[in-house]
C-alpha atoms as a PDB file:
ATOM      1  CA  UNK A   1    -136.486  14.840 -81.635  1.00  0.00           C
ATOM      2  CA  UNK A   2    -139.318  12.884 -83.265  1.00  0.00           C
ATOM      3  CA  UNK A   3    -140.753  12.801 -86.776  1.00  0.00           C
ATOM      4  CA  UNK A   4    -143.116  15.695 -87.469  1.00  0.00           C
ATOM      5  CA  UNK A   5    -145.560  15.943 -90.379  1.00  0.00           C
ATOM      6  CA  UNK A   6    -147.047  19.268 -91.499  1.00  0.00           C
ATOM      7  CA  UNK A   7    -149.742  19.259 -94.163  1.00  0.00           C
ATOM      8  CA  UNK A   8    -149.781  22.296 -96.470  1.00  0.00           C
ATOM      9  CA  UNK A   9    -152.914  21.320 -98.383  1.00  0.00           C
ATOM     10  CA  UNK A  10    -153.481  19.018-101.374  1.00  0.00           C
ATOM     11  CA  UNK A  11    -150.440  16.672-101.494  1.00  0.00           C
ATOM     12  CA  UNK A  12    -147.853  19.054-100.060  1.00  0.00           C
ATOM     13  CA  UNK A  13    -146.080  17.988 -96.877  1.00  0.00           C
ATOM     14  CA  UNK A  14    -143.203  19.347 -94.855  1.00  0.00           C
ATOM     15  CA  UNK A  15    -141.480  16.595 -92.892  1.00  0.00           C
ATOM     16  CA  UNK A  16    -138.960  17.116 -90.120  1.00  0.00           C
ATOM     17  CA  UNK A  17    -136.985  13.949 -89.470  1.00  0.00           C
ATOM     18  CA  UNK A  18    -135.556  13.013 -86.062  1.00  0.00           C
ATOM     19  CA  UNK A  19    -132.159  14.090 -87.448  1.00  0.00           C
ATOM     20  CA  UNK A  20    -133.555  17.602 -87.916  1.00  0.00           C
ATOM     21  CA  UNK A  21    -133.572  17.345 -91.709  1.00  0.00           C
ATOM     22  CA  UNK A  22    -136.523  18.924 -93.487  1.00  0.00           C
ATOM     23  CA  UNK A  23    -138.144  17.303 -96.527  1.00  0.00           C
ATOM     24  CA  UNK A  24    -140.714  18.916 -98.809  1.00  0.00           C
ATOM     25  CA  UNK A  25    -143.034  16.689-100.846  1.00  0.00           C
ATOM     26  CA  UNK A  26    -144.865  17.684-104.048  1.00  0.00           C
ATOM     27  CA  UNK A  27    -144.486  21.480-103.806  1.00  0.00           C
ATOM     28  CA  UNK A  28    -147.630  23.273-104.942  1.00  0.00           C
ATOM     29  CA  UNK A  29    -147.702  26.151-102.481  1.00  0.00           C
ATOM     30  CA  UNK A  30    -150.310  27.995-104.503  1.00  0.00           C
ATOM     31  CA  UNK A  31    -152.963  25.391-103.760  1.00  0.00           C
ATOM     32  CA  UNK A  32    -156.189  26.885-102.357  1.00  0.00           C
ATOM     33  CA  UNK A  33    -155.699  25.311 -98.931  1.00  0.00           C
ATOM     34  CA  UNK A  34    -152.073  26.239 -98.299  1.00  0.00           C
ATOM     35  CA  UNK A  35    -151.881  28.596 -95.299  1.00  0.00           C
ATOM     36  CA  UNK A  36    -150.430  32.022 -96.170  1.00  0.00           C
ATOM     37  CA  UNK A  37    -147.587  31.508 -93.682  1.00  0.00           C
ATOM     38  CA  UNK A  38    -146.266  28.685 -95.873  1.00  0.00           C
ATOM     39  CA  UNK A  39    -147.185  30.024 -99.312  1.00  0.00           C
ATOM     40  CA  UNK A  40    -143.850  31.696-100.084  1.00  0.00           C
ATOM     41  CA  UNK A  41    -140.933  29.348-100.851  1.00  0.00           C
ATOM     42  CA  UNK A  42    -138.504  31.293 -98.671  1.00  0.00           C
ATOM     43  CA  UNK A  43    -140.785  30.776 -95.665  1.00  0.00           C
ATOM     44  CA  UNK A  44    -140.052  27.042 -95.779  1.00  0.00           C
ATOM     45  CA  UNK A  45    -136.261  27.322 -95.509  1.00  0.00           C
ATOM     46  CA  UNK A  46    -134.204  25.453 -94.664  1.00  0.00           C
ATOM     47  CA  UNK A  47    -135.164  22.516 -96.879  1.00  0.00           C
ATOM     48  CA  UNK A  48    -132.725  19.613 -97.187  1.00  0.00           C
ATOM     49  CA  UNK A  49    -134.511  17.591 -99.872  1.00  0.00           C
ATOM     50  CA  UNK A  50    -137.499  17.948-102.214  1.00  0.00           C
ATOM     51  CA  UNK A  51    -139.371  14.924-103.571  1.00  0.00           C
ATOM     52  CA  UNK A  52    -141.652  15.209-106.606  1.00  0.00           C
ATOM     53  CA  UNK A  53    -143.867  12.228-107.346  1.00  0.00           C
ATOM     54  CA  UNK A  54    -144.882  13.150-110.895  1.00  0.00           C
ATOM     55  CA  UNK A  55    -145.170  15.851-113.493  1.00  0.00           C
ATOM     56  CA  UNK A  56    -148.568  17.415-112.927  1.00  0.00           C
ATOM     57  CA  UNK A  57    -148.930  21.098-112.145  1.00  0.00           C
ATOM     58  CA  UNK A  58    -150.691  20.414-108.839  1.00  0.00           C
ATOM     59  CA  UNK A  59    -147.561  18.636-107.608  1.00  0.00           C
ATOM     60  CA  UNK A  60    -144.650  20.618-109.041  1.00  0.00           C
ATOM     61  CA  UNK A  61    -145.760  24.174-109.866  1.00  0.00           C
ATOM     62  CA  UNK A  62    -143.533  25.741-107.197  1.00  0.00           C
ATOM     63  CA  UNK A  63    -140.579  23.387-107.568  1.00  0.00           C
ATOM     64  CA  UNK A  64    -138.291  25.880-109.287  1.00  0.00           C
ATOM     65  CA  UNK A  65    -139.127  28.666-106.842  1.00  0.00           C
ATOM     66  CA  UNK A  66    -138.481  26.389-103.855  1.00  0.00           C
ATOM     67  CA  UNK A  67    -135.121  25.259-105.217  1.00  0.00           C
ATOM     68  CA  UNK A  68    -134.077  28.843-105.938  1.00  0.00           C
ATOM     69  CA  UNK A  69    -135.068  29.915-102.428  1.00  0.00           C
ATOM     70  CA  UNK A  70    -133.554  26.975-100.531  1.00  0.00           C
ATOM     71  CA  UNK A  71    -130.907  25.371-102.751  1.00  0.00           C
ATOM     72  CA  UNK A  72    -132.365  21.951-101.905  1.00  0.00           C
ATOM     73  CA  UNK A  73    -131.613  18.917-104.076  1.00  0.00           C
ATOM     74  CA  UNK A  74    -134.537  17.260-105.863  1.00  0.00           C
ATOM     75  CA  UNK A  75    -135.430  13.588-106.312  1.00  0.00           C
ATOM     76  CA  UNK A  76    -137.825  12.821-109.162  1.00  0.00           C
ATOM     77  CA  UNK A  77    -138.369  10.578-112.167  1.00  0.00           C
ATOM     78  CA  UNK A  78    -136.002  10.599-115.137  1.00  0.00           C
ATOM     79  CA  UNK A  79    -138.124  12.510-117.662  1.00  0.00           C
ATOM     80  CA  UNK A  80    -139.177  15.140-115.167  1.00  0.00           C
ATOM     81  CA  UNK A  81    -135.521  15.512-114.170  1.00  0.00           C
ATOM     82  CA  UNK A  82    -134.526  16.008-117.812  1.00  0.00           C
ATOM     83  CA  UNK A  83    -137.231  18.639-118.237  1.00  0.00           C
ATOM     84  CA  UNK A  84    -136.199  20.581-115.147  1.00  0.00           C
ATOM     85  CA  UNK A  85    -132.483  20.346-115.996  1.00  0.00           C
ATOM     86  CA  UNK A  86    -133.222  21.778-119.446  1.00  0.00           C
ATOM     87  CA  UNK A  87    -134.841  24.720-117.675  1.00  0.00           C
ATOM     88  CA  UNK A  88    -131.576  25.407-115.850  1.00  0.00           C
ATOM     89  CA  UNK A  89    -132.237  23.697-112.527  1.00  0.00           C
ATOM     90  CA  UNK A  90    -129.321  22.089-110.736  1.00  0.00           C
ATOM     91  CA  UNK A  91    -129.213  19.463-108.012  1.00  0.00           C
ATOM     92  CA  UNK A  92    -131.580  17.065-109.799  1.00  0.00           C
ATOM     93  CA  UNK A  93    -131.272  13.412-108.743  1.00  0.00           C
ATOM     94  CA  UNK A  94    -133.410  11.471-111.183  1.00  0.00           C
ATOM     95  CA  UNK A  95    -134.316   7.816-110.834  1.00  0.00           C
ATOM     96  CA  UNK A  96    -136.688   5.126-112.078  1.00  0.00           C
ATOM     97  CA  UNK A  97    -139.329   2.894-110.566  1.00  0.00           C
ATOM     98  CA  UNK A  98    -137.740   0.099-108.562  1.00  0.00           C
ATOM     99  CA  UNK A  99    -134.529   2.044-108.026  1.00  0.00           C
ATOM    100  CA  UNK A 100    -133.050   3.240-104.755  1.00  0.00           C
ATOM    101  CA  UNK A 101    -130.665   6.079-104.077  1.00  0.00           C
ATOM    102  CA  UNK A 102    -129.517   8.034-101.060  1.00  0.00           C
ATOM    103  CA  UNK A 103    -129.591  11.824-101.177  1.00  0.00           C
ATOM    104  CA  UNK A 104    -128.951  14.104 -98.187  1.00  0.00           C
ATOM    105  CA  UNK A 105    -128.647  11.014 -95.973  1.00  0.00           C
ATOM    106  CA  UNK A 106    -132.202   9.939 -96.851  1.00  0.00           C
ATOM    107  CA  UNK A 107    -132.725   6.664 -98.721  1.00  0.00           C
ATOM    108  CA  UNK A 108    -135.431   6.881-101.373  1.00  0.00           C
ATOM    109  CA  UNK A 109    -136.935   3.963-103.276  1.00  0.00           C
ATOM    110  CA  UNK A 110    -139.214   4.843-106.185  1.00  0.00           C
ATOM    111  CA  UNK A 111    -142.383   2.772-106.498  1.00  0.00           C
ATOM    112  CA  UNK A 112    -144.997   2.540-109.207  1.00  0.00           C
ATOM    113  CA  UNK A 113    -148.229   4.539-109.206  1.00  0.00           C
ATOM    114  CA  UNK A 114    -151.233   4.141-111.492  1.00  0.00           C
ATOM    115  CA  UNK A 115    -151.848   7.637-112.825  1.00  0.00           C
ATOM    116  CA  UNK A 116    -150.431   9.919-115.560  1.00  0.00           C
ATOM    117  CA  UNK A 117    -147.839  12.689-115.830  1.00  0.00           C
ATOM    118  CA  UNK A 118    -147.773  15.645-118.210  1.00  0.00           C
ATOM    119  CA  UNK A 119    -148.034  19.416-118.240  1.00  0.00           C
ATOM    120  CA  UNK A 120    -148.862  22.052-120.814  1.00  0.00           C
ATOM    121  CA  UNK A 121    -146.302  24.709-121.661  1.00  0.00           C
ATOM    122  CA  UNK A 122    -145.570  26.942-124.647  1.00  0.00           C
ATOM    123  CA  UNK A 123    -144.874  23.838-126.729  1.00  0.00           C
ATOM    124  CA  UNK A 124    -148.160  22.147-125.898  1.00  0.00           C
ATOM    125  CA  UNK A 125    -148.541  19.000-123.841  1.00  0.00           C
ATOM    126  CA  UNK A 126    -145.218  17.713-122.504  1.00  0.00           C
ATOM    127  CA  UNK A 127    -144.983  14.087-121.372  1.00  0.00           C
ATOM    128  CA  UNK A 128    -143.036  13.841-118.120  1.00  0.00           C
ATOM    129  CA  UNK A 129    -142.560  10.134-117.580  1.00  0.00           C
ATOM    130  CA  UNK A 130    -144.174   7.675-115.227  1.00  0.00           C
ATOM    131  CA  UNK A 131    -145.966   8.753-112.063  1.00  0.00           C
ATOM    132  CA  UNK A 132    -144.417   7.316-108.935  1.00  0.00           C
ATOM    133  CA  UNK A 133    -144.490   6.949-105.196  1.00  0.00           C
ATOM    134  CA  UNK A 134    -141.643   6.849-102.684  1.00  0.00           C
ATOM    135  CA  UNK A 135    -140.483   4.659 -99.832  1.00  0.00           C
ATOM    136  CA  UNK A 136    -138.585   7.004 -97.521  1.00  0.00           C
ATOM    137  CA  UNK A 137    -136.054   5.655 -95.026  1.00  0.00           C
ATOM    138  CA  UNK A 138    -133.751   7.545 -92.672  1.00  0.00           C
ATOM    139  CA  UNK A 139    -132.053   6.833 -89.307  1.00  0.00           C
ATOM    140  CA  UNK A 140    -134.389   6.696 -86.292  1.00  0.00           C
ATOM    141  CA  UNK A 141    -137.371   7.331 -88.579  1.00  0.00           C
ATOM    142  CA  UNK A 142    -140.329   5.017 -89.233  1.00  0.00           C
ATOM    143  CA  UNK A 143    -140.492   3.771 -92.808  1.00  0.00           C
ATOM    144  CA  UNK A 144    -142.730   6.119 -94.797  1.00  0.00           C
ATOM    145  CA  UNK A 145    -144.672   5.431 -97.985  1.00  0.00           C
ATOM    146  CA  UNK A 146    -145.706   8.462-100.019  1.00  0.00           C
ATOM    147  CA  UNK A 147    -148.043   7.095-102.677  1.00  0.00           C
ATOM    148  CA  UNK A 148    -148.285  10.166-104.901  1.00  0.00           C
ATOM    149  CA  UNK A 149    -151.385  10.207-107.089  1.00  0.00           C
ATOM    150  CA  UNK A 150    -152.519   6.645-107.645  1.00  0.00           C
ATOM    151  CA  UNK A 151    -155.326   4.198-107.860  1.00  0.00           C
ATOM    152  CA  UNK A 152    -155.257   0.944-105.956  1.00  0.00           C
ATOM    153  CA  UNK A 153    -152.801  -1.634-107.318  1.00  0.00           C
ATOM    154  CA  UNK A 154    -152.066  -5.153-106.119  1.00  0.00           C
ATOM    155  CA  UNK A 155    -148.321  -4.642-105.738  1.00  0.00           C
ATOM    156  CA  UNK A 156    -149.021  -2.592-102.613  1.00  0.00           C
ATOM    157  CA  UNK A 157    -148.977  -6.016-100.947  1.00  0.00           C
ATOM    158  CA  UNK A 158    -145.421  -6.463-102.202  1.00  0.00           C
ATOM    159  CA  UNK A 159    -144.439  -3.054-100.834  1.00  0.00           C
ATOM    160  CA  UNK A 160    -145.613  -4.310 -97.447  1.00  0.00           C
ATOM    161  CA  UNK A 161    -143.453  -7.422 -97.755  1.00  0.00           C
ATOM    162  CA  UNK A 162    -140.382  -5.559 -98.987  1.00  0.00           C
ATOM    163  CA  UNK A 163    -140.385  -2.411 -96.870  1.00  0.00           C
ATOM    164  CA  UNK A 164    -142.936  -2.801 -94.035  1.00  0.00           C
ATOM    165  CA  UNK A 165    -143.949   0.877 -93.995  1.00  0.00           C
ATOM    166  CA  UNK A 166    -145.336   2.277 -90.764  1.00  0.00           C
ATOM    167  CA  UNK A 167    -146.996   5.425 -92.136  1.00  0.00           C
ATOM    168  CA  UNK A 168    -148.649   5.792 -95.547  1.00  0.00           C
ATOM    169  CA  UNK A 169    -149.552   9.063 -97.243  1.00  0.00           C
ATOM    170  CA  UNK A 170    -152.521   8.091 -99.423  1.00  0.00           C
ATOM    171  CA  UNK A 171    -154.723  10.099-101.787  1.00  0.00           C
ATOM    172  CA  UNK A 172    -158.406   9.830-100.896  1.00  0.00           C
ATOM    173  CA  UNK A 173    -160.148  12.486-103.018  1.00  0.00           C
ATOM    174  CA  UNK A 174    -161.529  10.078-105.655  1.00  0.00           C
ATOM    175  CA  UNK A 175    -162.148  10.863-109.365  1.00  0.00           C
ATOM    176  CA  UNK A 176    -158.424  11.228-110.221  1.00  0.00           C
ATOM    177  CA  UNK A 177    -157.056   8.897-107.513  1.00  0.00           C
ATOM    178  CA  UNK A 178    -158.243   6.394-104.960  1.00  0.00           C
ATOM    179  CA  UNK A 179    -161.291   7.284-102.950  1.00  0.00           C
ATOM    180  CA  UNK A 180    -161.723   6.481 -99.251  1.00  0.00           C
ATOM    181  CA  UNK A 181    -162.965   2.946 -99.992  1.00  0.00           C
ATOM    182  CA  UNK A 182    -159.936   1.785-101.985  1.00  0.00           C
ATOM    183  CA  UNK A 183    -157.552   3.843 -99.838  1.00  0.00           C
ATOM    184  CA  UNK A 184    -158.800   1.852 -96.834  1.00  0.00           C
ATOM    185  CA  UNK A 185    -158.010  -1.363 -98.688  1.00  0.00           C
ATOM    186  CA  UNK A 186    -154.574   0.006 -99.612  1.00  0.00           C
ATOM    187  CA  UNK A 187    -153.846   0.812 -95.967  1.00  0.00           C
ATOM    188  CA  UNK A 188    -154.802  -2.725 -94.961  1.00  0.00           C
ATOM    189  CA  UNK A 189    -152.649  -4.291 -97.668  1.00  0.00           C
ATOM    190  CA  UNK A 190    -149.696  -2.096 -96.735  1.00  0.00           C
ATOM    191  CA  UNK A 191    -149.953  -3.121 -93.089  1.00  0.00           C
ATOM    192  CA  UNK A 192    -149.351   0.417 -91.869  1.00  0.00           C
ATOM    193  CA  UNK A 193    -150.190   1.749 -88.423  1.00  0.00           C
ATOM    194  CA  UNK A 194    -151.145   5.230 -89.607  1.00  0.00           C
ATOM    195  CA  UNK A 195    -152.544   6.832 -92.756  1.00  0.00           C
ATOM    196  CA  UNK A 196    -152.115  10.486 -93.661  1.00  0.00           C
ATOM    197  CA  UNK A 197    -154.884  11.436 -96.132  1.00  0.00           C
ATOM    198  CA  UNK A 198    -153.968  13.738 -99.010  1.00  0.00           C
ATOM    199  CA  UNK A 199    -155.284  15.006-102.356  1.00  0.00           C
ATOM    200  CA  UNK A 200    -158.714  15.740-100.908  1.00  0.00           C
ATOM    201  CA  UNK A 201    -160.823  18.845-100.298  1.00  0.00           C
ATOM    202  CA  UNK A 202    -158.832  21.071-102.667  1.00  0.00           C
ATOM    203  CA  UNK A 203    -161.699  21.334-105.149  1.00  0.00           C
ATOM    204  CA  UNK A 204    -165.384  20.325-104.918  1.00  0.00           C
ATOM    205  CA  UNK A 205    -164.750  17.399-107.273  1.00  0.00           C
ATOM    206  CA  UNK A 206    -162.442  15.754-104.719  1.00  0.00           C
ATOM    207  CA  UNK A 207    -165.192  14.456-102.472  1.00  0.00           C
ATOM    208  CA  UNK A 208    -163.341  11.913-100.319  1.00  0.00           C
ATOM    209  CA  UNK A 209    -162.839  12.776 -96.646  1.00  0.00           C
ATOM    210  CA  UNK A 210    -160.768  11.437 -93.749  1.00  0.00           C
ATOM    211  CA  UNK A 211    -163.985  10.584 -91.908  1.00  0.00           C
ATOM    212  CA  UNK A 212    -165.133   8.437 -94.834  1.00  0.00           C
ATOM    213  CA  UNK A 213    -161.739   6.715 -94.830  1.00  0.00           C
ATOM    214  CA  UNK A 214    -162.112   6.039 -91.110  1.00  0.00           C
ATOM    215  CA  UNK A 215    -165.567   4.577 -91.677  1.00  0.00           C
ATOM    216  CA  UNK A 216    -164.352   2.244 -94.422  1.00  0.00           C
ATOM    217  CA  UNK A 217    -161.498   1.044 -92.237  1.00  0.00           C
ATOM    218  CA  UNK A 218    -163.968   0.302 -89.435  1.00  0.00           C
ATOM    219  CA  UNK A 219    -166.238  -1.683 -91.776  1.00  0.00           C
ATOM    220  CA  UNK A 220    -163.200  -3.715 -92.836  1.00  0.00           C
ATOM    221  CA  UNK A 221    -162.347  -4.443 -89.210  1.00  0.00           C
ATOM    222  CA  UNK A 222    -159.237  -2.249 -89.402  1.00  0.00           C
ATOM    223  CA  UNK A 223    -160.132   0.475 -86.933  1.00  0.00           C
ATOM    224  CA  UNK A 224    -156.664  -0.176 -85.501  1.00  0.00           C
ATOM    225  CA  UNK A 225    -155.197   1.854 -88.388  1.00  0.00           C
ATOM    226  CA  UNK A 226    -155.082   5.458 -87.225  1.00  0.00           C
ATOM    227  CA  UNK A 227    -156.150   8.202 -89.631  1.00  0.00           C
ATOM    228  CA  UNK A 228    -154.104  11.378 -89.085  1.00  0.00           C
ATOM    229  CA  UNK A 229    -156.767  13.928 -89.962  1.00  0.00           C
ATOM    230  CA  UNK A 230    -154.605  17.028 -90.335  1.00  0.00           C
ATOM    231  CA  UNK A 231    -155.859  20.495 -91.216  1.00  0.00           C
ATOM    232  CA  UNK A 232    -153.708  22.650 -93.520  1.00  0.00           C
ATOM    233  CA  UNK A 233    -150.823  24.071 -91.503  1.00  0.00           C
ATOM    234  CA  UNK A 234    -151.307  21.564 -88.687  1.00  0.00           C
ATOM    235  CA  UNK A 235    -148.377  19.434 -87.496  1.00  0.00           C
ATOM    236  CA  UNK A 236    -148.491  15.902 -86.107  1.00  0.00           C
ATOM    237  CA  UNK A 237    -145.572  14.489 -84.123  1.00  0.00           C
END
């Protein structure tokens, strides 16, 4: 069995590892591009692990529903973990940037991201800690880097030195994150073989496209980096 990657729109991904384990990243199943077949949390079961990069509604709105439907443990930042625990969720494995822990036989290292993290609830704006990305490692699986929402930052070069990721999930929509131009530079710095674009096309304001990313890579002389241009619901193996 090989790694499979299914894009569910925005920054939501369902990964099946060679071991058969299923990981869900940044669960916002109500996003406008999520196919109806995947829009209900129970339709995703079984899920072995959920990763949440930061506390914004477009990355965690359906977290509680997914956990109730699947019983999956959750890896997230400390403040977001405290918030969800206070709401009665169990199975929260919180961590901080630079830390590493193994949950469900998957080793997760939390990396920095240049963004923000807060939501509005009945009490007003709630700060939910630092935004983050993840280095994901598991047996017989290429090293994955899920950047979360971020702008370009120089320490991506250090991530390449430390972890040598093979596949990077990078936001390309622009305005709130990197656009295709800086995402192309990030891919080059990271030294990855493949880029999976995310956080694009959900709303008109997110103007970046995979084709623009491909063009920027070509201009940089990095046409060797493959862009996995998935459509919502499509799986790459």
